[in-house]
C-alpha atoms as a PDB file:
ATOM      1  CA  MET A   1     -82.522 -42.646  60.670  1.00  0.00           C
ATOM      2  CA  ARG A   2     -81.118 -39.143  60.423  1.00  0.00           C
ATOM      3  CA  ALA A   3     -79.139 -37.901  63.425  1.00  0.00           C
ATOM      4  CA  THR A   4     -80.095 -34.634  65.043  1.00  0.00           C
ATOM      5  CA  PRO A   5     -77.541 -32.368  66.753  1.00  0.00           C
ATOM      6  CA  ARG A   6     -77.187 -32.879  70.487  1.00  0.00           C
ATOM      7  CA  ALA A   7     -76.572 -29.493  72.100  1.00  0.00           C
ATOM      8  CA  ASP A   8     -76.493 -31.059  75.582  1.00  0.00           C
ATOM      9  CA  LEU A   9     -73.648 -33.405  74.652  1.00  0.00           C
ATOM     10  CA  LEU A  10     -71.859 -30.659  72.748  1.00  0.00           C
ATOM     11  CA  ALA A  11     -71.816 -28.506  75.904  1.00  0.00           C
ATOM     12  CA  HIS A  12     -69.978 -31.323  77.723  1.00  0.00           C
ATOM     13  CA  ALA A  13     -67.538 -31.700  74.820  1.00  0.00           C
ATOM     14  CA  ARG A  14     -66.799 -27.976  74.764  1.00  0.00           C
ATOM     15  CA  SER A  15     -66.176 -27.986  78.500  1.00  0.00           C
ATOM     16  CA  VAL A  16     -63.785 -30.944  78.518  1.00  0.00           C
ATOM     17  CA  ARG A  17     -61.801 -29.683  75.504  1.00  0.00           C
ATOM     18  CA  GLU A  18     -60.351 -27.042  77.860  1.00  0.00           C
ATOM     19  CA  ARG A  19     -58.497 -29.864  79.627  1.00  0.00           C
ATOM     20  CA  ALA A  20     -56.935 -31.288  76.449  1.00  0.00           C
ATOM     21  CA  TYR A  21     -53.175 -31.743  76.366  1.00  0.00           C
ATOM     22  CA  ALA A  22     -52.188 -30.311  72.988  1.00  0.00           C
ATOM     23  CA  PRO A  23     -48.814 -28.563  73.305  1.00  0.00           C
ATOM     24  CA  TYR A  24     -47.774 -29.374  69.722  1.00  0.00           C
ATOM     25  CA  SER A  25     -50.844 -28.599  67.633  1.00  0.00           C
ATOM     26  CA  ALA A  26     -52.712 -26.292  70.050  1.00  0.00           C
ATOM     27  CA  PHE A  27     -55.830 -28.014  68.605  1.00  0.00           C
ATOM     28  CA  HIS A  28     -57.875 -28.790  71.708  1.00  0.00           C
ATOM     29  CA  VAL A  29     -60.686 -31.305  71.211  1.00  0.00           C
ATOM     30  CA  GLY A  30     -63.291 -32.594  73.636  1.00  0.00           C
ATOM     31  CA  ALA A  31     -65.750 -35.462  73.301  1.00  0.00           C
ATOM     32  CA  ALA A  32     -68.818 -36.472  75.278  1.00  0.00           C
ATOM     33  CA  LEU A  33     -70.141 -40.008  74.895  1.00  0.00           C
ATOM     34  CA  GLU A  34     -73.638 -41.016  76.017  1.00  0.00           C
ATOM     35  CA  THR A  35     -74.030 -44.593  77.196  1.00  0.00           C
ATOM     36  CA  SER A  36     -77.205 -46.660  76.981  1.00  0.00           C
ATOM     37  CA  ASP A  37     -78.041 -45.899  80.637  1.00  0.00           C
ATOM     38  CA  GLY A  38     -77.697 -42.141  80.074  1.00  0.00           C
ATOM     39  CA  THR A  39     -74.242 -41.741  81.625  1.00  0.00           C
ATOM     40  CA  ILE A  40     -72.096 -39.074  79.960  1.00  0.00           C
ATOM     41  CA  ILE A  41     -68.402 -39.956  79.672  1.00  0.00           C
ATOM     42  CA  GLU A  42     -66.007 -37.183  78.673  1.00  0.00           C
ATOM     43  CA  GLY A  43     -62.651 -37.425  76.927  1.00  0.00           C
ATOM     44  CA  CYS A  44     -60.116 -35.041  75.442  1.00  0.00           C
ATOM     45  CA  ASN A  45     -57.176 -35.330  73.092  1.00  0.00           C
ATOM     46  CA  VAL A  46     -53.774 -36.093  74.584  1.00  0.00           C
ATOM     47  CA  GLU A  47     -50.804 -35.377  72.342  1.00  0.00           C
ATOM     48  CA  ASN A  48     -47.355 -36.908  72.515  1.00  0.00           C
ATOM     49  CA  ALA A  49     -43.990 -35.815  71.157  1.00  0.00           C
ATOM     50  CA  SER A  50     -44.077 -39.064  69.196  1.00  0.00           C
ATOM     51  CA  TYR A  51     -47.081 -37.895  67.175  1.00  0.00           C
ATOM     52  CA  GLY A  52     -48.339 -41.376  66.351  1.00  0.00           C
ATOM     53  CA  LEU A  53     -48.994 -41.988  70.049  1.00  0.00           C
ATOM     54  CA  THR A  54     -51.470 -39.112  70.286  1.00  0.00           C
ATOM     55  CA  VAL A  55     -54.934 -40.162  71.492  1.00  0.00           C
ATOM     56  CA  CYS A  56     -57.990 -38.438  70.046  1.00  0.00           C
ATOM     57  CA  ALA A  57     -60.797 -37.185  72.295  1.00  0.00           C
ATOM     58  CA  GLU A  58     -63.274 -39.728  70.943  1.00  0.00           C
ATOM     59  CA  ARG A  59     -61.076 -42.719  71.710  1.00  0.00           C
ATOM     60  CA  SER A  60     -60.215 -41.218  75.101  1.00  0.00           C
ATOM     61  CA  ALA A  61     -63.934 -41.125  75.968  1.00  0.00           C
ATOM     62  CA  VAL A  62     -64.555 -44.688  74.746  1.00  0.00           C
ATOM     63  CA  VAL A  63     -61.603 -46.073  76.710  1.00  0.00           C
ATOM     64  CA  ARG A  64     -62.835 -44.322  79.876  1.00  0.00           C
ATOM     65  CA  ALA A  65     -66.340 -45.700  79.290  1.00  0.00           C
ATOM     66  CA  ILE A  66     -65.069 -49.259  78.805  1.00  0.00           C
ATOM     67  CA  ALA A  67     -62.964 -48.965  81.972  1.00  0.00           C
ATOM     68  CA  GLN A  68     -66.123 -47.936  83.845  1.00  0.00           C
ATOM     69  CA  GLY A  69     -67.995 -50.994  82.561  1.00  0.00           C
ATOM     70  CA  HIS A  70     -70.007 -49.452  79.716  1.00  0.00           C
ATOM     71  CA  ARG A  71     -70.271 -51.230  76.360  1.00  0.00           C
ATOM     72  CA  GLU A  72     -73.352 -49.712  74.708  1.00  0.00           C
ATOM     73  CA  PHE A  73     -73.230 -46.181  73.344  1.00  0.00           C
ATOM     74  CA  LEU A  74     -76.016 -44.048  71.885  1.00  0.00           C
ATOM     75  CA  ALA A  75     -74.379 -40.773  70.874  1.00  0.00           C
ATOM     76  CA  ILE A  76     -71.161 -38.784  70.876  1.00  0.00           C
ATOM     77  CA  ALA A  77     -70.437 -35.084  70.473  1.00  0.00           C
ATOM     78  CA  VAL A  78     -67.047 -33.733  69.422  1.00  0.00           C
ATOM     79  CA  ALA A  79     -65.956 -30.106  69.803  1.00  0.00           C
ATOM     80  CA  GLY A  80     -62.805 -28.632  68.366  1.00  0.00           C
ATOM     81  CA  PRO A  81     -61.590 -25.051  68.507  1.00  0.00           C
ATOM     82  CA  ASP A  82     -64.275 -22.524  67.605  1.00  0.00           C
ATOM     83  CA  GLY A  83     -64.572 -22.103  63.841  1.00  0.00           C
ATOM     84  CA  SER A  84     -62.896 -25.407  62.981  1.00  0.00           C
ATOM     85  CA  SER A  85     -64.092 -28.828  61.915  1.00  0.00           C
ATOM     86  CA  ALA A  86     -64.004 -31.587  64.496  1.00  0.00           C
ATOM     87  CA  ALA A  87     -65.580 -34.452  62.597  1.00  0.00           C
ATOM     88  CA  PRO A  88     -64.111 -37.715  63.916  1.00  0.00           C
ATOM     89  CA  CYS A  89     -60.991 -38.828  62.055  1.00  0.00           C
ATOM     90  CA  GLY A  90     -60.926 -42.145  60.207  1.00  0.00           C
ATOM     91  CA  ALA A  91     -59.271 -43.986  63.090  1.00  0.00           C
ATOM     92  CA  CYS A  92     -61.928 -42.765  65.515  1.00  0.00           C
ATOM     93  CA  ARG A  93     -64.728 -43.685  63.122  1.00  0.00           C
ATOM     94  CA  GLN A  94     -63.357 -47.219  62.886  1.00  0.00           C
ATOM     95  CA  PHE A  95     -62.870 -47.375  66.667  1.00  0.00           C
ATOM     96  CA  LEU A  96     -66.429 -46.183  67.351  1.00  0.00           C
ATOM     97  CA  ILE A  97     -68.075 -48.459  64.793  1.00  0.00           C
ATOM     98  CA  GLU A  98     -66.945 -51.443  66.862  1.00  0.00           C
ATOM     99  CA  PHE A  99     -69.599 -50.508  69.413  1.00  0.00           C
ATOM    100  CA  ASN A 100     -72.507 -49.006  67.445  1.00  0.00           C
ATOM    101  CA  PRO A 101     -72.633 -48.447  63.678  1.00  0.00           C
ATOM    102  CA  SER A 102     -75.765 -46.322  64.174  1.00  0.00           C
ATOM    103  CA  LEU A 103     -74.139 -44.072  66.795  1.00  0.00           C
ATOM    104  CA  HIS A 104     -75.389 -40.491  66.531  1.00  0.00           C
ATOM    105  CA  VAL A 105     -72.473 -38.093  66.028  1.00  0.00           C
ATOM    106  CA  THR A 106     -72.659 -34.337  66.629  1.00  0.00           C
ATOM    107  CA  TYR A 107     -69.596 -32.268  65.759  1.00  0.00           C
ATOM    108  CA  THR A 108     -68.494 -28.706  65.244  1.00  0.00           C
ATOM    109  CA  THR A 109     -67.776 -27.277  61.790  1.00  0.00           C
ATOM    110  CA  PRO A 110     -66.640 -23.851  60.582  1.00  0.00           C
ATOM    111  CA  GLY A 111     -70.294 -23.161  59.715  1.00  0.00           C
ATOM    112  CA  GLY A 112     -71.814 -24.364  62.979  1.00  0.00           C
ATOM    113  CA  ILE A 113     -72.950 -27.775  64.175  1.00  0.00           C
ATOM    114  CA  ALA A 114     -73.402 -30.921  62.086  1.00  0.00           C
ATOM    115  CA  ALA A 115     -74.885 -34.307  62.882  1.00  0.00           C
ATOM    116  CA  ALA A 116     -74.831 -37.716  61.203  1.00  0.00           C
ATOM    117  CA  THR A 117     -74.937 -41.357  62.103  1.00  0.00           C
ATOM    118  CA  LEU A 118     -71.643 -43.177  62.249  1.00  0.00           C
ATOM    119  CA  ASP A 119     -72.566 -45.469  59.370  1.00  0.00           C
ATOM    120  CA  GLU A 120     -73.148 -42.345  57.254  1.00  0.00           C
ATOM    121  CA  LEU A 121     -69.656 -41.110  58.155  1.00  0.00           C
ATOM    122  CA  LEU A 122     -68.038 -44.511  57.513  1.00  0.00           C
ATOM    123  CA  PRO A 123     -69.998 -46.476  54.924  1.00  0.00           C
ATOM    124  CA  HIS A 124     -68.858 -50.050  54.186  1.00  0.00           C
ATOM    125  CA  ALA A 125     -66.859 -50.173  57.408  1.00  0.00           C
ATOM    126  CA  PHE A 126     -64.735 -53.142  58.390  1.00  0.00           C
ATOM    127  CA  SER A 127     -66.371 -54.941  61.323  1.00  0.00           C
ATOM    128  CA  ASN A 128     -66.560 -58.229  63.158  1.00  0.00           C
ATOM    129  CA  THR A 129     -68.805 -59.539  60.360  1.00  0.00           C
ATOM    130  CA  HIS A 130     -65.680 -59.616  58.171  1.00  0.00           C
ATOM    131  CA  LEU A 131     -63.824 -61.930  60.542  1.00  0.00           C
ATOM    132  CA  PRO A 132     -64.018 -65.735  60.390  1.00  0.00           C
END
């Protein structure tokens, strides 16, 4: 099933990106995650002087959702700075696929808005089916 862009979620992602903590890259990213009951959970990137400890907006939203008791996700939207690509990074794709390989993903690009399913963005992903 082909994903369609979610303007409603993207509006949430654009709003929350203003609260990102990005003093090193100045690359503010927001994410809005829709749960199976329709709740919208927002997250933003949080950088750290030890760059490897930086948390992406997508993972920030998922962690907040889990802490609030949500486990089933339908869609996520990711917004970076205007005119830039904000497709989820590889780590976020792997993190998200744990919960829904068919997750609908809307994200900003230099040319506008793009949409795909998570399994399109991360084919042949490692999952719990690979574990004994």
